């Protein structure tokens, strides 16, 4: 099957290659930062799918900008920044957890993306379109039909199975968050409870916590609402006390007038 000029099998293998490269990039960064190996990503295997999706979107959507490096750079930032933002948003809505947070960095949008992370997307877009894609696509096209099918179906099967298994594990975040929310409305306490629950589970759950040590449980702002209601209650009580005091004062004044 040919889509947008390429065999769908070529697209999938490109997707997997870039996913693995993204995983290697993430692992290397964490190795430098934490001085230890951390298996990054939501899936068990050595790949980060968001990089693969980003690369495929760049390949399909930005082909028309191939003759304009500046436009390609800007559009790669737009495409990948949008992908990262939407990924963060929908995963937060689905699993009630925030997987990364750039709130402490300058020039961020709702803590989901920031200038320091989207600029490299533009550079990667240039690299993909001018360097890696021409090389990889040429090599993949050289694969015999038999080997292309074997590699495609083998990797696809592994990837699908990984998604199913990892999906069960990741859904534990939502379950843990719901059980924790019954005990407290404090987000920090919920996060702590979620991590405790996952750490007590299987090695796959612990891998998830190690991959995302800053995992933050997200709750509807019950605490903020409680504080707001409490404040309103105090204001109403103060108003009632004030009116009560004025009424008593008036009654005393009337009593004093009558007694005179």
C-alpha atoms as a PDB file:
ATOM      1  CA  UNK A   1       0.000   0.000   0.000  1.00  0.00           C
ATOM      2  CA  UNK A   2       1.413   3.382  -1.042  1.00  0.00           C
ATOM      3  CA  UNK A   3       0.593   6.491   1.013  1.00  0.00           C
ATOM      4  CA  UNK A   4       1.959   9.963   0.236  1.00  0.00           C
ATOM      5  CA  UNK A   5       4.433   8.513  -2.227  1.00  0.00           C
ATOM      6  CA  UNK A   6       5.914   5.743  -0.062  1.00  0.00           C
ATOM      7  CA  UNK A   7       5.055   2.171   0.852  1.00  0.00           C
ATOM      8  CA  UNK A   8       3.334   2.065   4.254  1.00  0.00           C
ATOM      9  CA  UNK A   9       5.970  -0.482   5.350  1.00  0.00           C
ATOM     10  CA  UNK A  10       8.691   2.068   4.626  1.00  0.00           C
ATOM     11  CA  UNK A  11       6.843   4.634   6.715  1.00  0.00           C
ATOM     12  CA  UNK A  12       6.511   2.204   9.613  1.00  0.00           C
ATOM     13  CA  UNK A  13      10.182   1.230   9.547  1.00  0.00           C
ATOM     14  CA  UNK A  14      11.108   4.931   9.412  1.00  0.00           C
ATOM     15  CA  UNK A  15       8.804   5.476  12.382  1.00  0.00           C
ATOM     16  CA  UNK A  16      10.540   2.720  14.350  1.00  0.00           C
ATOM     17  CA  UNK A  17      14.054   3.914  13.431  1.00  0.00           C
ATOM     18  CA  UNK A  18      13.315   7.443  14.631  1.00  0.00           C
ATOM     19  CA  UNK A  19      11.569   6.095  17.745  1.00  0.00           C
ATOM     20  CA  UNK A  20      14.705   4.122  18.625  1.00  0.00           C
ATOM     21  CA  UNK A  21      16.901   7.169  17.903  1.00  0.00           C
ATOM     22  CA  UNK A  22      14.650   9.238  20.183  1.00  0.00           C
ATOM     23  CA  UNK A  23      14.985   6.625  22.909  1.00  0.00           C
ATOM     24  CA  UNK A  24      18.783   6.672  22.546  1.00  0.00           C
ATOM     25  CA  UNK A  25      18.750  10.474  22.788  1.00  0.00           C
ATOM     26  CA  UNK A  26      16.580  10.409  25.929  1.00  0.00           C
ATOM     27  CA  UNK A  27      18.658   7.683  27.575  1.00  0.00           C
ATOM     28  CA  UNK A  28      21.911   9.505  26.792  1.00  0.00           C
ATOM     29  CA  UNK A  29      20.610  12.775  28.246  1.00  0.00           C
ATOM     30  CA  UNK A  30      19.484  11.009  31.425  1.00  0.00           C
ATOM     31  CA  UNK A  31      22.780   9.125  31.622  1.00  0.00           C
ATOM     32  CA  UNK A  32      24.649  12.443  31.573  1.00  0.00           C
ATOM     33  CA  UNK A  33      22.213  14.068  33.997  1.00  0.00           C
ATOM     34  CA  UNK A  34      21.689  11.237  36.494  1.00  0.00           C
ATOM     35  CA  UNK A  35      24.862   9.183  35.911  1.00  0.00           C
ATOM     36  CA  UNK A  36      22.795   6.019  35.467  1.00  0.00           C
ATOM     37  CA  UNK A  37      20.822   4.155  32.796  1.00  0.00           C
ATOM     38  CA  UNK A  38      17.103   4.933  32.750  1.00  0.00           C
ATOM     39  CA  UNK A  39      14.763   3.225  30.292  1.00  0.00           C
ATOM     40  CA  UNK A  40      12.811   6.225  29.051  1.00  0.00           C
ATOM     41  CA  UNK A  41       9.451   6.189  27.329  1.00  0.00           C
ATOM     42  CA  UNK A  42       6.027   4.713  28.089  1.00  0.00           C
ATOM     43  CA  UNK A  43       6.770   1.456  26.277  1.00  0.00           C
ATOM     44  CA  UNK A  44       8.957  -1.385  27.497  1.00  0.00           C
ATOM     45  CA  UNK A  45      11.067  -1.661  24.350  1.00  0.00           C
ATOM     46  CA  UNK A  46      13.901   0.707  23.358  1.00  0.00           C
ATOM     47  CA  UNK A  47      11.814   3.293  21.547  1.00  0.00           C
ATOM     48  CA  UNK A  48      10.012   6.564  22.254  1.00  0.00           C
ATOM     49  CA  UNK A  49       7.053   6.727  19.901  1.00  0.00           C
ATOM     50  CA  UNK A  50       6.623  10.496  20.086  1.00  0.00           C
ATOM     51  CA  UNK A  51       9.894  10.914  18.164  1.00  0.00           C
ATOM     52  CA  UNK A  52       8.708   8.495  15.509  1.00  0.00           C
ATOM     53  CA  UNK A  53       5.380  10.292  15.113  1.00  0.00           C
ATOM     54  CA  UNK A  54       7.164  13.639  14.959  1.00  0.00           C
ATOM     55  CA  UNK A  55       9.541  12.422  12.247  1.00  0.00           C
ATOM     56  CA  UNK A  56       6.719  10.941  10.150  1.00  0.00           C
ATOM     57  CA  UNK A  57       4.654  14.130  10.453  1.00  0.00           C
ATOM     58  CA  UNK A  58       7.671  16.148   9.320  1.00  0.00           C
ATOM     59  CA  UNK A  59       8.239  13.736   6.426  1.00  0.00           C
ATOM     60  CA  UNK A  60       4.628  13.913   5.221  1.00  0.00           C
ATOM     61  CA  UNK A  61       3.612  17.488   6.014  1.00  0.00           C
ATOM     62  CA  UNK A  62       6.789  19.456   5.366  1.00  0.00           C
ATOM     63  CA  UNK A  63       7.863  18.001   2.028  1.00  0.00           C
ATOM     64  CA  UNK A  64       6.661  21.163   0.268  1.00  0.00           C
ATOM     65  CA  UNK A  65       9.099  23.284   2.319  1.00  0.00           C
ATOM     66  CA  UNK A  66      12.148  21.279   1.260  1.00  0.00           C
ATOM     67  CA  UNK A  67      13.452  24.177  -0.873  1.00  0.00           C
ATOM     68  CA  UNK A  68      13.128  26.730   1.926  1.00  0.00           C
ATOM     69  CA  UNK A  69      15.285  25.820   4.989  1.00  0.00           C
ATOM     70  CA  UNK A  70      13.983  28.718   7.096  1.00  0.00           C
ATOM     71  CA  UNK A  71      10.328  27.834   6.485  1.00  0.00           C
ATOM     72  CA  UNK A  72      11.156  24.172   7.091  1.00  0.00           C
ATOM     73  CA  UNK A  73      12.853  25.047  10.395  1.00  0.00           C
ATOM     74  CA  UNK A  74       9.872  27.115  11.583  1.00  0.00           C
ATOM     75  CA  UNK A  75       7.265  24.580  10.469  1.00  0.00           C
ATOM     76  CA  UNK A  76       9.165  21.720  12.133  1.00  0.00           C
ATOM     77  CA  UNK A  77       8.965  23.687  15.385  1.00  0.00           C
ATOM     78  CA  UNK A  78       5.228  24.217  14.886  1.00  0.00           C
ATOM     79  CA  UNK A  79       4.503  20.583  14.018  1.00  0.00           C
ATOM     80  CA  UNK A  80       6.602  19.006  16.785  1.00  0.00           C
ATOM     81  CA  UNK A  81       5.641  21.612  19.380  1.00  0.00           C
ATOM     82  CA  UNK A  82       1.963  20.966  18.657  1.00  0.00           C
ATOM     83  CA  UNK A  83       2.533  17.210  18.871  1.00  0.00           C
ATOM     84  CA  UNK A  84       4.295  17.504  22.235  1.00  0.00           C
ATOM     85  CA  UNK A  85       1.620  19.833  23.628  1.00  0.00           C
ATOM     86  CA  UNK A  86      -1.284  17.632  22.524  1.00  0.00           C
ATOM     87  CA  UNK A  87       0.466  14.474  23.761  1.00  0.00           C
ATOM     88  CA  UNK A  88       0.912  16.035  27.200  1.00  0.00           C
ATOM     89  CA  UNK A  89      -2.669  17.344  27.248  1.00  0.00           C
ATOM     90  CA  UNK A  90      -4.425  14.121  26.253  1.00  0.00           C
ATOM     91  CA  UNK A  91      -2.244  11.877  28.448  1.00  0.00           C
ATOM     92  CA  UNK A  92      -3.046  14.133  31.379  1.00  0.00           C
ATOM     93  CA  UNK A  93      -6.776  13.938  30.621  1.00  0.00           C
ATOM     94  CA  UNK A  94      -6.700  10.164  30.142  1.00  0.00           C
ATOM     95  CA  UNK A  95      -4.392   9.098  32.972  1.00  0.00           C
ATOM     96  CA  UNK A  96      -4.866  12.013  35.406  1.00  0.00           C
ATOM     97  CA  UNK A  97      -1.102  12.470  35.521  1.00  0.00           C
ATOM     98  CA  UNK A  98       1.386  14.941  34.087  1.00  0.00           C
ATOM     99  CA  UNK A  99       4.438  13.201  32.641  1.00  0.00           C
ATOM    100  CA  UNK A 100       6.652  16.231  32.095  1.00  0.00           C
ATOM    101  CA  UNK A 101       6.416  19.805  33.284  1.00  0.00           C
ATOM    102  CA  UNK A 102       8.334  22.816  31.957  1.00  0.00           C
ATOM    103  CA  UNK A 103       6.611  25.309  34.255  1.00  0.00           C
ATOM    104  CA  UNK A 104       9.920  26.298  35.847  1.00  0.00           C
ATOM    105  CA  UNK A 105      11.523  27.077  32.480  1.00  0.00           C
ATOM    106  CA  UNK A 106      11.283  30.379  30.642  1.00  0.00           C
ATOM    107  CA  UNK A 107       8.942  30.870  27.703  1.00  0.00           C
ATOM    108  CA  UNK A 108       6.733  27.858  28.382  1.00  0.00           C
ATOM    109  CA  UNK A 109       3.089  27.276  27.442  1.00  0.00           C
ATOM    110  CA  UNK A 110       1.142  25.741  30.328  1.00  0.00           C
ATOM    111  CA  UNK A 111       4.270  23.788  31.277  1.00  0.00           C
ATOM    112  CA  UNK A 112       3.725  21.435  28.327  1.00  0.00           C
ATOM    113  CA  UNK A 113       6.235  22.901  25.887  1.00  0.00           C
ATOM    114  CA  UNK A 114       8.976  25.505  26.200  1.00  0.00           C
ATOM    115  CA  UNK A 115      11.370  27.402  23.948  1.00  0.00           C
ATOM    116  CA  UNK A 116      14.337  25.323  25.108  1.00  0.00           C
ATOM    117  CA  UNK A 117      12.775  22.093  23.811  1.00  0.00           C
ATOM    118  CA  UNK A 118      11.072  23.240  20.609  1.00  0.00           C
ATOM    119  CA  UNK A 119      14.114  24.951  19.049  1.00  0.00           C
ATOM    120  CA  UNK A 120      15.928  21.575  18.760  1.00  0.00           C
ATOM    121  CA  UNK A 121      12.810  20.279  16.966  1.00  0.00           C
ATOM    122  CA  UNK A 122      13.491  22.769  14.186  1.00  0.00           C
ATOM    123  CA  UNK A 123      17.086  21.582  13.873  1.00  0.00           C
ATOM    124  CA  UNK A 124      15.983  17.959  13.893  1.00  0.00           C
ATOM    125  CA  UNK A 125      13.468  18.766  11.158  1.00  0.00           C
ATOM    126  CA  UNK A 126      16.285  20.064   8.958  1.00  0.00           C
ATOM    127  CA  UNK A 127      18.399  16.999   9.718  1.00  0.00           C
ATOM    128  CA  UNK A 128      15.539  14.622   8.933  1.00  0.00           C
ATOM    129  CA  UNK A 129      14.600  16.190   5.610  1.00  0.00           C
ATOM    130  CA  UNK A 130      18.109  16.907   4.300  1.00  0.00           C
ATOM    131  CA  UNK A 131      20.226  14.116   5.780  1.00  0.00           C
ATOM    132  CA  UNK A 132      18.593  11.110   7.442  1.00  0.00           C
ATOM    133  CA  UNK A 133      15.461  10.654   5.307  1.00  0.00           C
ATOM    134  CA  UNK A 134      17.255  10.543   1.941  1.00  0.00           C
ATOM    135  CA  UNK A 135      19.770   8.047   3.346  1.00  0.00           C
ATOM    136  CA  UNK A 136      17.290   5.807   5.219  1.00  0.00           C
ATOM    137  CA  UNK A 137      14.610   5.734   2.535  1.00  0.00           C
ATOM    138  CA  UNK A 138      17.184   4.810  -0.097  1.00  0.00           C
ATOM    139  CA  UNK A 139      18.484   1.935   2.046  1.00  0.00           C
ATOM    140  CA  UNK A 140      15.002   0.686   2.936  1.00  0.00           C
ATOM    141  CA  UNK A 141      13.983   0.651  -0.715  1.00  0.00           C
ATOM    142  CA  UNK A 142      16.885  -1.696  -1.420  1.00  0.00           C
ATOM    143  CA  UNK A 143      15.414  -4.382   0.837  1.00  0.00           C
ATOM    144  CA  UNK A 144      14.060  -7.396  -1.071  1.00  0.00           C
ATOM    145  CA  UNK A 145      10.290  -7.796  -0.863  1.00  0.00           C
ATOM    146  CA  UNK A 146      10.600 -10.938   1.268  1.00  0.00           C
ATOM    147  CA  UNK A 147      12.906  -9.331   3.826  1.00  0.00           C
ATOM    148  CA  UNK A 148      10.855  -6.146   3.886  1.00  0.00           C
ATOM    149  CA  UNK A 149       7.773  -8.197   4.780  1.00  0.00           C
ATOM    150  CA  UNK A 150       9.594 -10.270   7.413  1.00  0.00           C
ATOM    151  CA  UNK A 151      11.110  -7.217   9.111  1.00  0.00           C
ATOM    152  CA  UNK A 152       7.875  -5.230   8.893  1.00  0.00           C
ATOM    153  CA  UNK A 153       5.581  -7.905  10.345  1.00  0.00           C
ATOM    154  CA  UNK A 154       8.061  -8.984  13.036  1.00  0.00           C
ATOM    155  CA  UNK A 155       8.622  -5.462  14.343  1.00  0.00           C
ATOM    156  CA  UNK A 156       4.948  -4.555  14.010  1.00  0.00           C
ATOM    157  CA  UNK A 157       3.925  -7.592  16.080  1.00  0.00           C
ATOM    158  CA  UNK A 158       6.462  -6.763  18.787  1.00  0.00           C
ATOM    159  CA  UNK A 159       5.360  -3.132  18.824  1.00  0.00           C
ATOM    160  CA  UNK A 160       1.646  -3.976  19.098  1.00  0.00           C
ATOM    161  CA  UNK A 161       2.251  -6.472  21.925  1.00  0.00           C
ATOM    162  CA  UNK A 162       4.413  -3.899  23.737  1.00  0.00           C
ATOM    163  CA  UNK A 163       1.641  -1.295  23.425  1.00  0.00           C
ATOM    164  CA  UNK A 164      -0.929  -3.699  24.883  1.00  0.00           C
ATOM    165  CA  UNK A 165       1.252  -4.703  27.846  1.00  0.00           C
ATOM    166  CA  UNK A 166       2.445  -1.154  28.498  1.00  0.00           C
ATOM    167  CA  UNK A 167      -1.103   0.157  28.186  1.00  0.00           C
ATOM    168  CA  UNK A 168      -2.197  -2.071  31.065  1.00  0.00           C
ATOM    169  CA  UNK A 169       0.717  -0.809  33.169  1.00  0.00           C
ATOM    170  CA  UNK A 170       0.185   2.856  32.336  1.00  0.00           C
ATOM    171  CA  UNK A 171      -3.527   2.621  33.185  1.00  0.00           C
ATOM    172  CA  UNK A 172      -2.437   1.818  36.733  1.00  0.00           C
ATOM    173  CA  UNK A 173      -1.575   5.496  37.034  1.00  0.00           C
ATOM    174  CA  UNK A 174      -5.245   6.377  36.660  1.00  0.00           C
ATOM    175  CA  UNK A 175      -6.341   3.613  39.041  1.00  0.00           C
ATOM    176  CA  UNK A 176      -3.773   4.636  41.632  1.00  0.00           C
ATOM    177  CA  UNK A 177      -4.745   8.281  41.329  1.00  0.00           C
ATOM    178  CA  UNK A 178      -8.451   7.524  41.808  1.00  0.00           C
ATOM    179  CA  UNK A 179      -7.815   5.441  44.913  1.00  0.00           C
ATOM    180  CA  UNK A 180      -5.507   8.087  46.320  1.00  0.00           C
ATOM    181  CA  UNK A 181      -7.971  10.893  45.654  1.00  0.00           C
ATOM    182  CA  UNK A 182     -10.391   9.383  48.170  1.00  0.00           C
ATOM    183  CA  UNK A 183      -7.913  10.024  50.955  1.00  0.00           C
ATOM    184  CA  UNK A 184      -6.769  13.589  50.273  1.00  0.00           C
ATOM    185  CA  UNK A 185      -7.204  16.573  48.036  1.00  0.00           C
ATOM    186  CA  UNK A 186      -3.546  17.647  48.180  1.00  0.00           C
ATOM    187  CA  UNK A 187      -1.816  17.125  44.838  1.00  0.00           C
ATOM    188  CA  UNK A 188       1.597  16.481  46.402  1.00  0.00           C
ATOM    189  CA  UNK A 189       0.150  13.807  48.647  1.00  0.00           C
ATOM    190  CA  UNK A 190      -1.663  12.220  45.713  1.00  0.00           C
ATOM    191  CA  UNK A 191       1.563  12.118  43.709  1.00  0.00           C
ATOM    192  CA  UNK A 192       3.360  10.480  46.621  1.00  0.00           C
ATOM    193  CA  UNK A 193       0.568   7.923  47.001  1.00  0.00           C
ATOM    194  CA  UNK A 194       0.576   7.124  43.268  1.00  0.00           C
ATOM    195  CA  UNK A 195       4.314   6.475  43.303  1.00  0.00           C
ATOM    196  CA  UNK A 196       4.046   4.306  46.424  1.00  0.00           C
ATOM    197  CA  UNK A 197       1.339   2.198  44.796  1.00  0.00           C
ATOM    198  CA  UNK A 198       3.318   1.759  41.575  1.00  0.00           C
ATOM    199  CA  UNK A 199       6.570   0.998  43.394  1.00  0.00           C
ATOM    200  CA  UNK A 200       4.809  -1.823  45.216  1.00  0.00           C
ATOM    201  CA  UNK A 201       3.703  -3.398  41.941  1.00  0.00           C
ATOM    202  CA  UNK A 202       5.682  -5.271  39.286  1.00  0.00           C
ATOM    203  CA  UNK A 203       9.042  -4.382  37.782  1.00  0.00           C
ATOM    204  CA  UNK A 204       7.181  -2.833  34.812  1.00  0.00           C
ATOM    205  CA  UNK A 205       5.445  -0.374  37.118  1.00  0.00           C
ATOM    206  CA  UNK A 206       8.749   0.501  38.817  1.00  0.00           C
ATOM    207  CA  UNK A 207      10.328   1.038  35.394  1.00  0.00           C
ATOM    208  CA  UNK A 208       7.652   3.635  34.657  1.00  0.00           C
ATOM    209  CA  UNK A 209       8.449   5.534  37.842  1.00  0.00           C
ATOM    210  CA  UNK A 210      12.182   5.424  37.075  1.00  0.00           C
ATOM    211  CA  UNK A 211      11.534   6.636  33.521  1.00  0.00           C
ATOM    212  CA  UNK A 212       9.469   9.574  34.760  1.00  0.00           C
ATOM    213  CA  UNK A 213      10.706  10.497  38.255  1.00  0.00           C
ATOM    214  CA  UNK A 214       8.852  13.833  38.076  1.00  0.00           C
ATOM    215  CA  UNK A 215       5.538  12.163  37.370  1.00  0.00           C
ATOM    216  CA  UNK A 216       2.886  14.364  38.925  1.00  0.00           C
ATOM    217  CA  UNK A 217      -0.635  13.269  39.714  1.00  0.00           C
ATOM    218  CA  UNK A 218      -3.212  15.749  38.530  1.00  0.00           C
ATOM    219  CA  UNK A 219      -6.407  16.405  40.440  1.00  0.00           C
ATOM    220  CA  UNK A 220      -9.296  18.732  39.924  1.00  0.00           C
ATOM    221  CA  UNK A 221      -8.387  21.627  42.142  1.00  0.00           C
ATOM    222  CA  UNK A 222     -10.501  20.495  45.074  1.00  0.00           C
ATOM    223  CA  UNK A 223      -8.149  22.119  47.556  1.00  0.00           C
ATOM    224  CA  UNK A 224      -8.402  25.480  45.812  1.00  0.00           C
ATOM    225  CA  UNK A 225     -12.181  25.190  45.708  1.00  0.00           C
ATOM    226  CA  UNK A 226     -12.256  24.262  49.391  1.00  0.00           C
ATOM    227  CA  UNK A 227     -10.151  27.284  50.286  1.00  0.00           C
ATOM    228  CA  UNK A 228     -12.402  29.515  48.179  1.00  0.00           C
ATOM    229  CA  UNK A 229     -15.561  28.174  49.832  1.00  0.00           C
ATOM    230  CA  UNK A 230     -13.949  28.547  53.262  1.00  0.00           C
ATOM    231  CA  UNK A 231     -13.067  32.148  52.529  1.00  0.00           C
ATOM    232  CA  UNK A 232     -16.579  32.880  51.280  1.00  0.00           C
ATOM    233  CA  UNK A 233     -18.000  31.257  54.399  1.00  0.00           C
ATOM    234  CA  UNK A 234     -15.813  33.428  56.622  1.00  0.00           C
ATOM    235  CA  UNK A 235     -16.889  36.554  54.731  1.00  0.00           C
ATOM    236  CA  UNK A 236     -20.568  35.616  55.081  1.00  0.00           C
ATOM    237  CA  UNK A 237     -20.127  34.889  58.800  1.00  0.00           C
ATOM    238  CA  UNK A 238     -18.397  38.231  59.226  1.00  0.00           C
ATOM    239  CA  UNK A 239     -21.255  39.996  57.452  1.00  0.00           C
ATOM    240  CA  UNK A 240     -23.807  38.187  59.633  1.00  0.00           C
ATOM    241  CA  UNK A 241     -21.903  39.124  62.789  1.00  0.00           C
ATOM    242  CA  UNK A 242     -21.731  42.728  61.630  1.00  0.00           C
ATOM    243  CA  UNK A 243     -25.461  42.860  60.919  1.00  0.00           C
ATOM    244  CA  UNK A 244     -26.153  41.114  64.241  1.00  0.00           C
ATOM    245  CA  UNK A 245     -24.033  43.670  66.071  1.00  0.00           C
ATOM    246  CA  UNK A 246     -25.835  46.552  64.350  1.00  0.00           C
ATOM    247  CA  UNK A 247     -29.258  45.085  65.164  1.00  0.00           C
ATOM    248  CA  UNK A 248     -28.296  44.627  68.829  1.00  0.00           C
ATOM    249  CA  UNK A 249     -26.940  48.167  68.887  1.00  0.00           C
ATOM    250  CA  UNK A 250     -30.198  49.558  67.461  1.00  0.00           C
ATOM    251  CA  UNK A 251     -32.291  47.510  69.911  1.00  0.00           C
ATOM    252  CA  UNK A 252     -30.223  48.840  72.824  1.00  0.00           C
ATOM    253  CA  UNK A 253     -30.609  52.397  71.540  1.00  0.00           C
ATOM    254  CA  UNK A 254     -34.396  51.978  71.307  1.00  0.00           C
ATOM    255  CA  UNK A 255     -34.530  50.475  74.806  1.00  0.00           C
ATOM    256  CA  UNK A 256     -32.500  53.374  76.202  1.00  0.00           C
ATOM    257  CA  UNK A 257     -34.803  55.920  74.470  1.00  0.00           C
ATOM    258  CA  UNK A 258     -37.925  54.277  75.911  1.00  0.00           C
ATOM    259  CA  UNK A 259     -36.418  54.075  79.401  1.00  0.00           C
ATOM    260  CA  UNK A 260     -35.805  57.803  79.303  1.00  0.00           C
END
